[in-house]
Amino acid sequence: MKKVVPRFKTEDAEREFWASHDSTDYIEWRKARRSTLPKLKPSSQTISIRLPKPMLDRLKLLANKRDVPYQSLLKIFVAERLKAEFKS
């Protein structure tokens, strides 16, 4: 028999609880069902960015070689650079 999940007063209290407890003691994951959240808003924001055409062409070429969409590759590059900038 699984343990009962306690009620939490705050989200922080729940976060602390799950950081130190194993969910398999409380939830029967084999009986879990997938759910969809149709009204969930994306956490990303659409932006418009102007790039020189040769730069965009090179980005698309490189993305094609890596078999990823060029927008995804651009996000990877930006994320890597941000990480490097904040480390220094």
N, C-alpha and C. Protein backbone atom coordinates (compact mmCIF):
# COMPACT_ATOMS: atom_id res chain seq x y z
N MET A 1 0.84 -1.18 0.00
CA MET A 1 0.00 0.00 0.00
C MET A 1 0.89 1.25 0.00
N LYS A 2 0.52 2.20 -0.82
CA LYS A 2 1.29 3.43 -0.96
C LYS A 2 0.95 4.40 0.16
N LYS A 3 1.92 5.26 0.47
CA LYS A 3 1.71 6.30 1.48
C LYS A 3 0.82 7.39 0.91
N VAL A 4 0.15 8.11 1.79
CA VAL A 4 -0.72 9.21 1.38
C VAL A 4 0.13 10.47 1.18
N VAL A 5 -0.08 11.15 0.05
CA VAL A 5 0.64 12.40 -0.21
C VAL A 5 0.09 13.46 0.73
N PRO A 6 0.96 14.11 1.50
CA PRO A 6 0.48 15.13 2.44
C PRO A 6 -0.02 16.37 1.71
N ARG A 7 -0.80 17.18 2.40
CA ARG A 7 -1.24 18.47 1.86
C ARG A 7 -0.18 19.50 2.25
N PHE A 8 0.09 20.41 1.36
CA PHE A 8 1.13 21.40 1.58
C PHE A 8 0.53 22.79 1.67
N LYS A 9 1.10 23.59 2.56
CA LYS A 9 0.61 24.96 2.73
C LYS A 9 1.14 25.88 1.64
N THR A 10 2.35 25.59 1.16
CA THR A 10 2.95 26.43 0.13
C THR A 10 3.62 25.56 -0.92
N GLU A 11 3.88 26.17 -2.06
CA GLU A 11 4.58 25.47 -3.12
C GLU A 11 6.02 25.17 -2.69
N ASP A 12 6.61 26.07 -1.93
CA ASP A 12 7.97 25.85 -1.42
C ASP A 12 8.02 24.62 -0.51
N ALA A 13 7.00 24.47 0.33
CA ALA A 13 6.95 23.31 1.23
C ALA A 13 6.85 22.02 0.43
N GLU A 14 6.05 22.05 -0.63
CA GLU A 14 5.91 20.87 -1.48
C GLU A 14 7.22 20.58 -2.20
N ARG A 15 7.88 21.61 -2.68
CA ARG A 15 9.16 21.43 -3.36
C ARG A 15 10.19 20.80 -2.44
N GLU A 16 10.25 21.28 -1.20
CA GLU A 16 11.18 20.71 -0.22
C GLU A 16 10.86 19.24 0.07
N PHE A 17 9.57 18.94 0.19
CA PHE A 17 9.15 17.57 0.46
C PHE A 17 9.61 16.63 -0.64
N TRP A 18 9.31 16.98 -1.91
CA TRP A 18 9.64 16.09 -3.01
C TRP A 18 11.14 16.02 -3.27
N ALA A 19 11.89 17.01 -2.83
CA ALA A 19 13.35 16.97 -2.98
C ALA A 19 13.96 15.91 -2.06
N SER A 20 13.25 15.56 -0.99
CA SER A 20 13.81 14.61 -0.03
C SER A 20 13.01 13.30 0.08
N HIS A 21 12.00 13.12 -0.76
CA HIS A 21 11.19 11.90 -0.72
C HIS A 21 11.09 11.30 -2.13
N ASP A 22 10.97 9.99 -2.18
CA ASP A 22 10.84 9.29 -3.45
C ASP A 22 9.36 9.16 -3.81
N SER A 23 9.01 9.64 -5.01
CA SER A 23 7.60 9.62 -5.42
C SER A 23 7.05 8.21 -5.56
N THR A 24 7.91 7.22 -5.78
CA THR A 24 7.42 5.84 -5.93
C THR A 24 6.84 5.29 -4.63
N ASP A 25 7.16 5.92 -3.50
CA ASP A 25 6.56 5.52 -2.23
C ASP A 25 5.12 6.02 -2.11
N TYR A 26 4.77 7.00 -2.94
CA TYR A 26 3.47 7.67 -2.82
C TYR A 26 2.56 7.50 -4.04
N ILE A 27 3.16 7.22 -5.18
CA ILE A 27 2.38 7.18 -6.42
C ILE A 27 2.62 5.86 -7.14
N GLU A 28 1.56 5.25 -7.61
CA GLU A 28 1.65 4.01 -8.38
C GLU A 28 1.81 4.40 -9.85
N TRP A 29 3.05 4.55 -10.29
CA TRP A 29 3.32 5.07 -11.63
C TRP A 29 2.84 4.14 -12.73
N ARG A 30 2.73 2.85 -12.48
CA ARG A 30 2.25 1.93 -13.50
C ARG A 30 0.78 2.17 -13.83
N LYS A 31 0.06 2.78 -12.92
CA LYS A 31 -1.36 3.07 -13.15
C LYS A 31 -1.58 4.49 -13.67
N ALA A 32 -0.50 5.22 -13.84
CA ALA A 32 -0.61 6.61 -14.30
C ALA A 32 -1.08 6.66 -15.75
N ARG A 33 -1.80 7.73 -16.09
CA ARG A 33 -2.26 7.94 -17.45
C ARG A 33 -1.71 9.27 -17.95
N ARG A 34 -1.41 9.32 -19.24
CA ARG A 34 -0.95 10.57 -19.83
C ARG A 34 -2.11 11.56 -19.87
N SER A 35 -1.77 12.81 -19.66
CA SER A 35 -2.80 13.84 -19.77
C SER A 35 -2.29 14.95 -20.66
N THR A 36 -3.20 15.68 -21.23
CA THR A 36 -2.83 16.83 -22.04
C THR A 36 -3.33 18.08 -21.34
N LEU A 37 -2.59 19.13 -21.51
CA LEU A 37 -2.94 20.40 -20.89
C LEU A 37 -3.16 21.41 -22.02
N PRO A 38 -4.34 21.41 -22.62
CA PRO A 38 -4.57 22.22 -23.82
C PRO A 38 -4.50 23.73 -23.60
N LYS A 39 -4.73 24.19 -22.40
CA LYS A 39 -4.72 25.63 -22.15
C LYS A 39 -3.41 26.12 -21.55
N LEU A 40 -2.41 25.22 -21.49
CA LEU A 40 -1.12 25.59 -20.96
C LEU A 40 -0.43 26.54 -21.93
N LYS A 41 0.00 27.67 -21.41
CA LYS A 41 0.65 28.66 -22.25
C LYS A 41 2.13 28.33 -22.36
N PRO A 42 2.69 28.49 -23.56
CA PRO A 42 4.12 28.20 -23.71
C PRO A 42 4.98 29.15 -22.90
N SER A 43 6.10 28.64 -22.43
CA SER A 43 6.98 29.48 -21.62
C SER A 43 7.96 30.25 -22.48
N SER A 44 7.88 30.07 -23.78
CA SER A 44 8.76 30.82 -24.66
C SER A 44 8.01 32.02 -25.23
N GLN A 45 8.77 32.95 -25.74
CA GLN A 45 8.17 34.16 -26.29
C GLN A 45 8.71 34.35 -27.71
N THR A 46 7.83 34.64 -28.61
CA THR A 46 8.22 34.88 -29.99
C THR A 46 8.86 36.25 -30.11
N ILE A 47 10.00 36.29 -30.82
CA ILE A 47 10.67 37.57 -31.07
C ILE A 47 10.98 37.67 -32.55
N SER A 48 11.26 38.86 -32.97
CA SER A 48 11.69 39.09 -34.34
C SER A 48 13.13 39.56 -34.30
N ILE A 49 13.98 38.95 -35.09
CA ILE A 49 15.39 39.33 -35.12
C ILE A 49 15.83 39.45 -36.57
N ARG A 50 16.53 40.52 -36.86
CA ARG A 50 17.02 40.72 -38.23
C ARG A 50 18.47 40.27 -38.29
N LEU A 51 18.74 39.37 -39.25
CA LEU A 51 20.10 38.88 -39.47
C LEU A 51 20.47 39.16 -40.92
N PRO A 52 21.74 39.42 -41.16
CA PRO A 52 22.17 39.55 -42.55
C PRO A 52 21.91 38.24 -43.29
N LYS A 53 21.47 38.34 -44.54
CA LYS A 53 21.12 37.15 -45.31
C LYS A 53 22.26 36.13 -45.36
N PRO A 54 23.50 36.54 -45.60
CA PRO A 54 24.58 35.53 -45.61
C PRO A 54 24.72 34.80 -44.27
N MET A 55 24.51 35.51 -43.16
CA MET A 55 24.60 34.87 -41.85
C MET A 55 23.47 33.85 -41.69
N LEU A 56 22.28 34.22 -42.09
CA LEU A 56 21.14 33.31 -42.00
C LEU A 56 21.36 32.08 -42.89
N ASP A 57 21.89 32.31 -44.09
CA ASP A 57 22.17 31.19 -44.99
C ASP A 57 23.19 30.23 -44.38
N ARG A 58 24.23 30.77 -43.77
CA ARG A 58 25.25 29.92 -43.14
C ARG A 58 24.65 29.16 -41.95
N LEU A 59 23.79 29.84 -41.19
CA LEU A 59 23.12 29.18 -40.06
C LEU A 59 22.27 28.02 -40.55
N LYS A 60 21.51 28.25 -41.61
CA LYS A 60 20.66 27.20 -42.16
C LYS A 60 21.49 26.04 -42.69
N LEU A 61 22.61 26.34 -43.32
CA LEU A 61 23.50 25.30 -43.83
C LEU A 61 24.05 24.44 -42.70
N LEU A 62 24.52 25.10 -41.66
CA LEU A 62 25.05 24.38 -40.50
C LEU A 62 23.96 23.56 -39.81
N ALA A 63 22.78 24.13 -39.68
CA ALA A 63 21.66 23.41 -39.06
C ALA A 63 21.30 22.17 -39.89
N ASN A 64 21.33 22.33 -41.20
CA ASN A 64 21.03 21.19 -42.08
C ASN A 64 22.07 20.08 -41.89
N LYS A 65 23.34 20.44 -41.76
CA LYS A 65 24.39 19.45 -41.52
C LYS A 65 24.17 18.71 -40.21
N ARG A 66 23.66 19.43 -39.21
CA ARG A 66 23.42 18.83 -37.89
C ARG A 66 22.04 18.20 -37.77
N ASP A 67 21.25 18.35 -38.82
CA ASP A 67 19.89 17.79 -38.88
C ASP A 67 18.99 18.33 -37.75
N VAL A 68 19.05 19.64 -37.57
CA VAL A 68 18.17 20.31 -36.61
C VAL A 68 17.58 21.56 -37.28
N PRO A 69 16.43 22.02 -36.85
CA PRO A 69 15.89 23.27 -37.39
C PRO A 69 16.83 24.44 -37.05
N TYR A 70 16.92 25.39 -37.97
CA TYR A 70 17.87 26.48 -37.73
C TYR A 70 17.49 27.32 -36.52
N GLN A 71 16.20 27.45 -36.22
CA GLN A 71 15.80 28.20 -35.03
C GLN A 71 16.30 27.52 -33.76
N SER A 72 16.25 26.19 -33.75
CA SER A 72 16.73 25.44 -32.60
C SER A 72 18.24 25.60 -32.44
N LEU A 73 18.95 25.56 -33.56
CA LEU A 73 20.39 25.74 -33.50
C LEU A 73 20.75 27.14 -33.00
N LEU A 74 20.00 28.13 -33.45
CA LEU A 74 20.22 29.49 -32.97
C LEU A 74 20.00 29.59 -31.46
N LYS A 75 18.96 28.93 -30.96
CA LYS A 75 18.71 28.91 -29.51
C LYS A 75 19.85 28.26 -28.76
N ILE A 76 20.39 27.18 -29.32
CA ILE A 76 21.53 26.49 -28.69
C ILE A 76 22.72 27.44 -28.61
N PHE A 77 23.01 28.12 -29.72
CA PHE A 77 24.14 29.05 -29.75
C PHE A 77 23.97 30.17 -28.74
N VAL A 78 22.77 30.73 -28.67
CA VAL A 78 22.51 31.82 -27.72
C VAL A 78 22.64 31.31 -26.28
N ALA A 79 22.10 30.13 -26.01
CA ALA A 79 22.18 29.56 -24.66
C ALA A 79 23.62 29.31 -24.24
N GLU A 80 24.42 28.77 -25.18
CA GLU A 80 25.83 28.52 -24.87
C GLU A 80 26.58 29.82 -24.58
N ARG A 81 26.30 30.83 -25.37
CA ARG A 81 26.99 32.11 -25.18
C ARG A 81 26.57 32.78 -23.87
N LEU A 82 25.28 32.71 -23.55
CA LEU A 82 24.81 33.28 -22.29
C LEU A 82 25.47 32.58 -21.11
N LYS A 83 25.56 31.26 -21.19
CA LYS A 83 26.20 30.50 -20.12
C LYS A 83 27.65 30.93 -19.95
N ALA A 84 28.35 31.08 -21.06
CA ALA A 84 29.76 31.48 -21.02
C ALA A 84 29.90 32.90 -20.45
N GLU A 85 29.05 33.79 -20.86
CA GLU A 85 29.11 35.18 -20.40
C GLU A 85 28.85 35.29 -18.90
N PHE A 86 27.89 34.50 -18.40
CA PHE A 86 27.57 34.59 -16.99
C PHE A 86 28.59 33.86 -16.11
N LYS A 87 29.38 32.94 -16.70
CA LYS A 87 30.44 32.27 -15.94
C LYS A 87 31.59 33.21 -15.66
N SER A 88 31.86 34.11 -16.62
CA SER A 88 33.02 35.00 -16.46
C SER A 88 32.69 36.25 -15.67
